[in-house]
Protein backbone atom coordinates (compact mmCIF):
# COMPACT_ATOMS: atom_id res chain seq x y z
CA MET A 1 23.68 -24.76 -10.13
CA GLU A 2 23.17 -27.32 -6.90
CA ILE A 3 23.08 -25.86 -3.38
CA LEU A 4 24.43 -29.20 -1.47
CA ILE A 5 22.84 -29.47 2.24
CA ARG A 6 26.19 -30.46 4.36
CA LYS A 7 24.62 -29.95 8.02
CA ILE A 8 21.97 -29.25 10.31
CA GLU A 9 21.56 -28.21 13.71
CA ILE A 10 18.39 -27.20 15.81
CA TYR A 11 18.47 -25.34 18.92
CA PRO A 12 15.57 -25.57 21.75
CA ILE A 13 16.13 -21.76 22.98
CA GLU A 14 13.92 -19.76 25.56
CA ILE A 15 14.08 -15.97 26.00
CA ARG A 16 12.38 -14.80 29.11
CA LEU A 17 9.27 -12.31 28.91
CA ASN A 18 9.40 -8.86 29.62
CA ASN A 19 5.60 -9.76 31.68
CA PRO A 20 3.65 -12.84 31.41
CA PHE A 21 1.27 -12.38 28.31
CA LYS A 22 -1.95 -13.73 28.40
CA ILE A 23 -4.36 -14.60 26.12
CA SER A 24 -8.18 -16.35 26.04
CA VAL A 25 -6.38 -19.83 25.50
CA GLY A 26 -3.45 -19.68 28.05
CA SER A 27 -0.22 -17.22 28.69
CA ILE A 28 3.36 -17.70 28.27
CA SER A 29 6.00 -16.47 30.56
CA ALA A 30 8.93 -17.20 28.17
CA ALA A 31 9.37 -17.43 24.22
CA GLN A 32 9.77 -21.22 23.78
CA ASN A 33 11.21 -21.81 19.87
CA THR A 34 13.17 -23.61 17.74
CA VAL A 35 15.95 -22.74 15.49
CA VAL A 36 17.08 -24.06 12.01
CA LEU A 37 20.59 -24.08 10.26
CA ILE A 38 21.41 -25.17 7.21
CA TYR A 39 24.87 -25.42 6.39
CA SER A 40 26.05 -25.58 2.41
CA ASP A 41 28.74 -27.79 1.07
CA ASN A 42 29.99 -24.16 -0.76
CA GLY A 43 30.55 -22.74 2.79
CA LEU A 44 26.91 -20.73 3.22
CA LEU A 45 23.54 -20.55 6.59
CA GLY A 46 20.90 -20.82 6.77
CA THR A 47 18.79 -19.36 9.15
CA GLY A 48 15.70 -20.36 10.48
CA GLU A 49 13.12 -20.39 13.19
CA CYS A 50 10.39 -21.06 15.17
CA GLY A 51 6.80 -20.16 17.60
CA ARG A 52 4.18 -21.99 18.16
CA LEU A 53 1.57 -22.32 21.35
CA ARG A 54 0.36 -25.34 22.53
CA SER A 55 -3.54 -24.56 22.53
CA ILE A 56 -3.21 -22.99 18.67
CA HIS A 57 -0.72 -25.76 17.40
CA ALA A 58 -0.92 -28.81 19.21
CA GLU A 59 3.05 -28.26 19.02
CA THR A 60 5.21 -28.47 22.79
CA PRO A 61 9.11 -27.33 22.47
CA ALA A 62 9.81 -31.34 22.98
CA SER A 63 7.06 -32.08 20.18
CA VAL A 64 8.76 -29.96 17.68
CA LEU A 65 12.39 -31.11 18.08
CA GLU A 66 11.25 -34.39 17.78
CA VAL A 67 9.36 -33.50 15.10
CA GLY A 68 12.56 -31.95 13.29
CA LYS A 69 14.91 -34.56 14.28
CA TYR A 70 12.70 -36.81 12.05
CA ILE A 71 13.13 -34.25 9.14
CA ALA A 72 16.36 -33.26 9.36
CA PRO A 73 18.33 -36.29 8.37
CA HIS A 74 16.42 -36.67 4.88
CA LEU A 75 17.34 -33.47 3.81
CA ILE A 76 21.09 -33.99 3.73
CA GLY A 77 22.19 -33.95 0.84
CA LYS A 78 19.75 -32.37 -0.57
CA ASP A 79 19.51 -29.14 -2.63
CA ALA A 80 18.74 -25.93 -0.25
CA ALA A 81 17.90 -23.91 -3.75
CA ASP A 82 15.04 -26.81 -4.69
CA ILE A 83 13.13 -25.59 -1.93
CA VAL A 84 9.45 -27.19 -3.16
CA SER A 85 11.06 -30.89 -3.20
CA CYS A 86 12.37 -29.98 0.40
CA ILE A 87 9.02 -29.33 1.13
CA ALA A 88 7.54 -32.08 -0.34
CA ILE A 89 10.16 -34.44 1.28
CA MET A 90 9.15 -33.07 4.93
CA GLU A 91 5.48 -33.14 3.73
CA LYS A 92 6.21 -37.16 3.12
CA VAL A 93 8.48 -37.57 6.28
CA PHE A 94 5.74 -36.65 8.88
CA ILE A 95 2.55 -34.79 8.28
CA GLY A 96 1.17 -31.40 10.10
CA HIS A 97 3.95 -29.58 12.33
CA SER A 98 3.85 -26.37 10.74
CA SER A 99 5.68 -25.38 13.27
CA VAL A 100 9.46 -27.01 12.52
CA LYS A 101 8.89 -26.98 8.79
CA CYS A 102 8.70 -23.24 8.34
CA ALA A 103 12.34 -23.16 10.46
CA PHE A 104 13.22 -24.78 7.64
CA ASP A 105 10.88 -23.75 4.99
CA MET A 106 12.58 -19.68 6.54
CA ALA A 107 16.02 -21.71 6.35
CA LEU A 108 16.16 -22.50 3.22
CA HIS A 109 15.14 -19.15 1.76
CA ASP A 110 17.66 -17.91 3.46
CA ILE A 111 20.85 -20.14 2.32
CA LYS A 112 19.51 -19.71 -1.82
CA CYS A 113 19.25 -15.78 -1.44
CA LYS A 114 22.45 -15.99 0.43
CA HIS A 115 23.72 -18.06 -2.60
CA TYR A 116 22.39 -16.15 -5.32
CA ASN A 117 22.69 -12.73 -3.85
CA LEU A 118 20.03 -11.36 -3.24
CA SER A 119 17.43 -9.87 -0.28
CA LEU A 120 14.54 -12.40 0.06
CA SER A 121 12.10 -9.86 -0.94
CA ASP A 122 14.19 -9.96 -4.19
CA TYR A 123 14.11 -13.46 -4.50
CA LEU A 124 9.82 -13.31 -3.76
CA GLY A 125 9.08 -10.30 -6.50
CA GLY A 126 10.96 -7.67 -5.18
CA ALA A 127 9.30 -4.62 -2.56
CA ILE A 128 6.65 -2.22 -3.32
CA ALA A 129 8.22 0.67 -3.24
CA ASP A 130 7.28 3.00 -0.82
CA LYS A 131 4.91 0.87 1.32
CA GLU A 132 5.81 1.80 5.01
CA ILE A 133 4.68 -1.51 7.52
CA HIS A 134 4.15 -0.04 11.22
CA THR A 135 3.80 -2.34 13.90
CA ASP A 136 0.61 -2.64 16.30
CA MET A 137 1.35 -3.19 19.98
CA THR A 138 -0.56 -5.83 22.07
CA VAL A 139 -2.62 -5.61 25.27
CA GLY A 140 -2.23 -8.99 26.73
CA LEU A 141 -5.85 -9.95 28.53
CA ALA A 142 -5.48 -8.66 31.91
CA SER A 143 -7.85 -6.95 34.68
CA VAL A 144 -9.92 -4.22 33.04
CA SER A 145 -6.87 -1.38 35.22
CA LYS A 146 -4.02 -3.47 34.11
CA MET A 147 -5.64 -2.86 30.73
CA VAL A 148 -5.65 0.75 30.60
CA GLU A 149 -2.41 1.02 32.12
CA GLU A 150 -0.01 -0.77 29.39
CA ALA A 151 -2.87 0.80 26.94
CA LEU A 152 -1.64 4.31 28.31
CA GLU A 153 2.21 3.29 28.49
CA TYR A 154 2.08 1.73 24.46
CA LYS A 155 0.68 5.15 23.49
CA ALA A 156 2.89 7.35 25.35
CA LYS A 157 6.01 5.20 23.54
CA GLY A 158 4.40 6.13 19.59
CA PHE A 159 1.98 3.18 18.89
CA ARG A 160 -0.60 4.51 16.11
CA THR A 161 -2.34 1.10 16.87
CA LEU A 162 -2.50 -1.23 20.16
CA LYS A 163 -4.73 -4.90 19.66
CA LEU A 164 -6.42 -6.27 22.48
CA LYS A 165 -6.41 -9.56 24.16
CA LEU A 166 -9.95 -10.29 24.98
CA GLY A 167 -12.06 -13.50 25.27
CA GLU A 168 -12.94 -12.80 29.10
CA ALA A 169 -16.61 -11.68 28.04
CA GLN A 170 -18.37 -10.11 31.37
CA ASP A 171 -15.69 -7.45 30.92
CA ASP A 172 -14.17 -7.19 27.48
CA VAL A 173 -16.71 -4.06 27.15
CA ASP A 174 -15.78 -2.33 30.32
CA ARG A 175 -12.26 -3.04 28.52
CA VAL A 176 -12.19 -1.45 25.51
CA ARG A 177 -14.56 1.34 26.87
CA GLU A 178 -11.52 2.58 29.60
CA ILE A 179 -9.28 1.66 26.84
CA ARG A 180 -10.07 3.80 24.45
CA SER A 181 -11.73 6.53 27.29
CA ALA A 182 -8.17 6.52 28.47
CA ILE A 183 -6.08 6.94 25.00
CA GLY A 184 -8.16 9.07 23.25
CA PRO A 185 -9.69 8.52 19.18
CA GLU A 186 -6.06 9.12 18.08
CA ILE A 187 -5.06 5.56 18.37
CA PHE A 188 -6.28 2.79 15.88
CA LEU A 189 -7.95 -0.12 17.68
CA ARG A 190 -7.93 -4.01 16.78
CA LEU A 191 -9.51 -6.88 19.00
CA ASP A 192 -8.94 -10.46 19.68
CA ALA A 193 -10.65 -12.73 21.23
CA ASN A 194 -8.60 -15.72 20.50
CA GLN A 195 -12.05 -17.81 19.98
CA GLY A 196 -12.95 -17.27 23.74
CA TRP A 197 -16.53 -15.67 23.38
CA SER A 198 -19.32 -18.21 22.32
CA PRO A 199 -21.02 -17.32 19.09
CA VAL A 200 -24.67 -15.14 21.11
CA ARG A 201 -21.82 -13.96 22.97
CA ALA A 202 -20.03 -12.67 20.44
CA LYS A 203 -23.20 -10.96 18.46
CA ARG A 204 -23.74 -9.51 21.48
CA MET A 205 -19.96 -8.14 21.85
CA LEU A 206 -19.80 -6.78 18.56
CA ARG A 207 -22.55 -4.40 18.94
CA ASP A 208 -21.64 -3.52 22.37
CA LEU A 209 -17.75 -2.85 20.44
CA GLU A 210 -19.54 -0.71 17.89
CA GLN A 211 -19.25 2.03 18.86
CA TYR A 212 -15.63 2.77 20.10
CA ASP A 213 -14.29 2.68 16.46
CA ILE A 214 -12.47 -0.42 16.26
CA GLN A 215 -10.70 -1.13 12.98
CA TYR A 216 -11.70 -5.75 12.90
CA CYS A 217 -12.22 -8.14 15.36
CA GLU A 218 -10.21 -11.83 15.26
CA ALA A 219 -10.66 -14.99 16.24
CA PRO A 220 -14.45 -14.11 18.12
CA ILE A 221 -15.33 -18.14 18.35
CA ASP A 222 -14.04 -21.36 18.34
CA ALA A 223 -11.98 -21.78 14.89
CA LYS A 224 -13.80 -24.59 13.93
CA ASN A 225 -17.95 -23.73 14.31
CA LEU A 226 -17.81 -21.70 10.41
CA VAL A 227 -21.45 -22.20 9.93
CA GLU A 228 -21.92 -20.03 13.26
CA LEU A 229 -18.30 -17.58 12.37
CA LYS A 230 -20.28 -16.27 8.86
CA LYS A 231 -23.24 -15.67 10.65
CA ILE A 232 -21.55 -13.43 12.98
CA THR A 233 -20.03 -11.85 9.88
CA SER A 234 -22.75 -11.60 7.97
CA GLU A 235 -23.94 -9.42 11.18
CA SER A 236 -21.20 -7.61 12.68
CA PRO A 237 -20.89 -4.00 12.41
CA ILE A 238 -17.43 -4.32 12.74
CA PRO A 239 -15.23 -6.64 10.05
CA ILE A 240 -14.12 -10.02 11.17
CA MET A 241 -10.83 -11.43 10.71
CA ALA A 242 -9.82 -15.12 10.63
CA ASP A 243 -7.07 -16.61 12.93
CA GLU A 244 -6.80 -19.57 13.99
CA SER A 245 -8.83 -20.81 11.26
CA ILE A 246 -6.46 -20.43 8.74
CA PHE A 247 -3.26 -22.17 8.79
CA ASP A 248 -2.74 -23.12 5.02
CA HIS A 249 -3.80 -21.97 2.01
CA LYS A 250 -6.84 -24.32 0.80
CA ASP A 251 -8.69 -22.87 4.05
CA ALA A 252 -8.34 -19.71 2.65
CA PHE A 253 -9.83 -20.46 -0.50
CA HIS A 254 -12.69 -22.12 1.67
CA LEU A 255 -13.39 -19.43 3.81
CA LEU A 256 -12.67 -16.41 1.60
CA SER A 257 -14.72 -18.21 -1.72
CA ASN A 258 -17.71 -18.91 1.01
CA HIS A 259 -17.69 -15.65 2.40
CA ILE A 260 -17.19 -16.93 5.69
CA VAL A 261 -14.83 -13.50 7.20
CA ASP A 262 -14.02 -10.48 5.67
CA MET A 263 -9.90 -10.60 5.95
CA ILE A 264 -7.35 -13.19 7.55
CA ASN A 265 -4.44 -13.19 9.30
CA ILE A 266 -0.95 -14.87 7.72
CA LYS A 267 1.56 -15.90 10.44
CA LEU A 268 4.90 -17.73 8.63
CA THR A 269 4.38 -20.19 11.53
CA LYS A 270 1.13 -21.31 11.60
CA SER A 271 1.13 -21.57 7.69
CA GLY A 272 4.46 -24.00 7.17
CA GLY A 273 6.57 -21.39 5.97
CA ILE A 274 7.07 -18.60 3.70
CA HIS A 275 6.47 -21.34 0.28
CA HIS A 276 2.66 -21.61 2.04
CA ALA A 277 2.07 -18.56 2.84
CA MET A 278 2.80 -16.76 -0.70
CA LYS A 279 -0.24 -19.53 -2.41
CA ILE A 280 -2.44 -18.66 0.91
CA VAL A 281 -1.71 -14.60 -0.08
CA SER A 282 -2.78 -14.89 -3.13
CA ILE A 283 -5.31 -16.34 -2.70
CA ALA A 284 -6.37 -13.43 -0.52
CA GLU A 285 -4.94 -11.21 -3.47
CA SER A 286 -7.41 -12.38 -6.49
CA ALA A 287 -10.33 -12.96 -3.65
CA GLY A 288 -9.62 -8.81 -3.06
CA VAL A 289 -9.42 -9.61 0.46
CA THR A 290 -7.29 -7.80 2.92
CA CYS A 291 -4.73 -9.51 4.87
CA GLN A 292 -2.72 -8.37 8.87
CA VAL A 293 0.18 -10.94 9.38
CA GLY A 294 1.12 -11.83 12.90
CA CYS A 295 3.65 -13.69 14.87
CA PHE A 296 3.68 -15.85 17.79
CA ALA A 297 7.28 -14.98 19.78
CA GLU A 298 9.49 -15.39 17.27
CA THR A 299 12.65 -12.86 17.37
CA ARG A 300 14.15 -10.60 14.85
CA VAL A 301 14.88 -13.60 12.80
CA GLY A 302 11.69 -14.83 12.02
CA ILE A 303 10.19 -11.48 12.38
CA SER A 304 12.87 -10.41 9.45
CA ALA A 305 11.68 -12.64 7.35
CA LEU A 306 8.36 -12.05 8.08
CA VAL A 307 8.90 -8.88 6.92
CA HIS A 308 10.89 -9.24 3.48
CA PHE A 309 7.60 -11.49 2.90
CA VAL A 310 5.42 -8.51 3.67
CA SER A 311 6.92 -6.13 1.98
CA VAL A 312 6.24 -7.24 -2.23
CA TRP A 313 2.31 -7.95 -0.93
CA ASP A 314 0.49 -5.08 -1.50
CA CYS A 315 -2.94 -6.82 0.04
CA ILE A 316 -1.42 -6.97 3.14
CA LYS A 317 -2.33 -3.87 5.30
CA TYR A 318 -2.36 -4.58 8.79
CA PHE A 319 1.38 -5.34 10.99
CA ASP A 320 1.42 -6.84 14.10
CA MET A 321 5.27 -7.78 14.24
CA ASP A 322 5.67 -6.95 18.40
CA SER A 323 6.97 -10.16 20.14
CA PRO A 324 10.35 -9.12 20.09
CA LEU A 325 9.88 -6.01 21.47
CA MET A 326 8.60 -8.16 24.22
CA HIS A 327 11.40 -10.10 24.67
CA THR A 328 13.71 -9.34 27.91
CA SER A 329 17.18 -9.42 25.58
CA ASP A 330 17.31 -9.75 21.45
CA PRO A 331 20.10 -12.55 20.68
CA VAL A 332 19.94 -11.22 17.20
CA HIS A 333 22.84 -9.71 14.79
CA GLY A 334 21.18 -7.71 12.13
CA GLY A 335 18.10 -7.85 10.37
CA ILE A 336 14.44 -5.79 10.76
CA THR A 337 14.94 -2.18 12.88
CA TYR A 338 12.34 -0.22 14.63
CA THR A 339 12.06 3.13 14.45
CA ASP A 340 10.36 5.72 16.97
CA ASP A 341 7.33 5.77 15.39
CA TRP A 342 7.75 1.90 15.29
CA LYS A 343 8.06 1.58 11.32
CA VAL A 344 9.78 -1.55 10.31
CA ILE A 345 13.04 -1.12 8.97
CA VAL A 346 14.63 -3.89 6.84
CA PRO A 347 18.56 -2.92 5.66
CA ASP A 348 20.15 -3.75 2.62
CA GLY A 349 21.55 -6.95 2.47
CA ILE A 350 20.77 -10.77 1.12
CA GLY A 351 18.91 -13.60 2.88
CA HIS A 352 16.26 -12.06 5.31
CA GLY A 353 19.11 -10.32 7.03
CA ALA A 354 19.47 -11.92 10.56
CA HIS A 355 20.87 -14.72 12.19
CA PHE A 356 21.22 -15.75 16.36
CA ASP A 357 24.58 -14.51 18.66
CA GLU A 358 26.32 -18.27 18.16
CA SER A 359 27.35 -17.17 22.28
CA PHE A 360 23.24 -17.07 23.10
CA LEU A 361 22.91 -20.61 20.87
CA ALA A 362 25.39 -22.19 22.86
CA GLN A 363 23.65 -22.35 25.75
CA PHE A 364 21.16 -24.70 24.40
CA ALA A 365 21.33 -28.21 22.98
CA ASN A 366 22.85 -28.62 19.74
CA ASN A 367 21.22 -31.09 17.83
CA VAL A 368 23.30 -31.60 15.02
CA PHE A 369 22.48 -34.03 11.51
CA GLU A 370 25.71 -34.67 8.63
């Protein structure tokens, strides 16, 4: 049965962060995301969201909105149940811009699941029984003392795992050493240099940091320098994870078939949505590779869809789902919740289970297509 798309609304939204968040390639003080709402002819609503980072996606809030405006008219009257065809239309209308395509993809999956009275995880194959998903918490790049202070704060709040943003080589060893000393041995530590090191510096850093019991390091060098990245992976005492080097399933195949990295980080916004992310993770599972899922600055809408996706794949072992915890407000109804020990819980229901408060969206410009 067809689910004809009657109307699409696109909102550029903004939510201030509790504190400015810095990584080696830039900093943000607010989540500037894009919301896509798809309405069907039988009264259903699908909700999607994307985040983005200019220094990673080469996209700005304005460009994301403009591409969304190009795409939306081409989907009016199309069958939302035929997600593959809708994605093909998006790819034909505009090359690249995975961020906004993720928001459309998420809304399409949501509305299709609602039509067939399925949760998103059931539609994707069924959640793995007893799989526990605990998010880490990210310590942004700052002075050594500030990062130690944040790490202690997050430990006190019950986080089991911390991700440390690095990439300013002069103090990076000090950052990790002082944080490990402050929080003790029981907290898991993972690193993310966001391409901030040179190849020579990365090799030295990874040797120096091994002693601090590190799970893995993401993106140690320029994402495009795959020759050096492979050398670093082969020599590093710490496992290496690709992030900015992997956007789609073709990237995944190249990285893993050539043994360029040990693991990969999948983000829905980066891959263009759930449909393409399923291709990426299937390649990783075939290669026997462990995955992490990550986020940019999404609300609980985007993270709810992400958790449904995660729940059906055993090879996804690491979870970076902390972006809603950095926001000064939560404009989302339904969706995921966090327990006291930061386990992520998805309530029973259909679709991904989350939607935006109407009064919150009413603050922003509404771009309507019918």
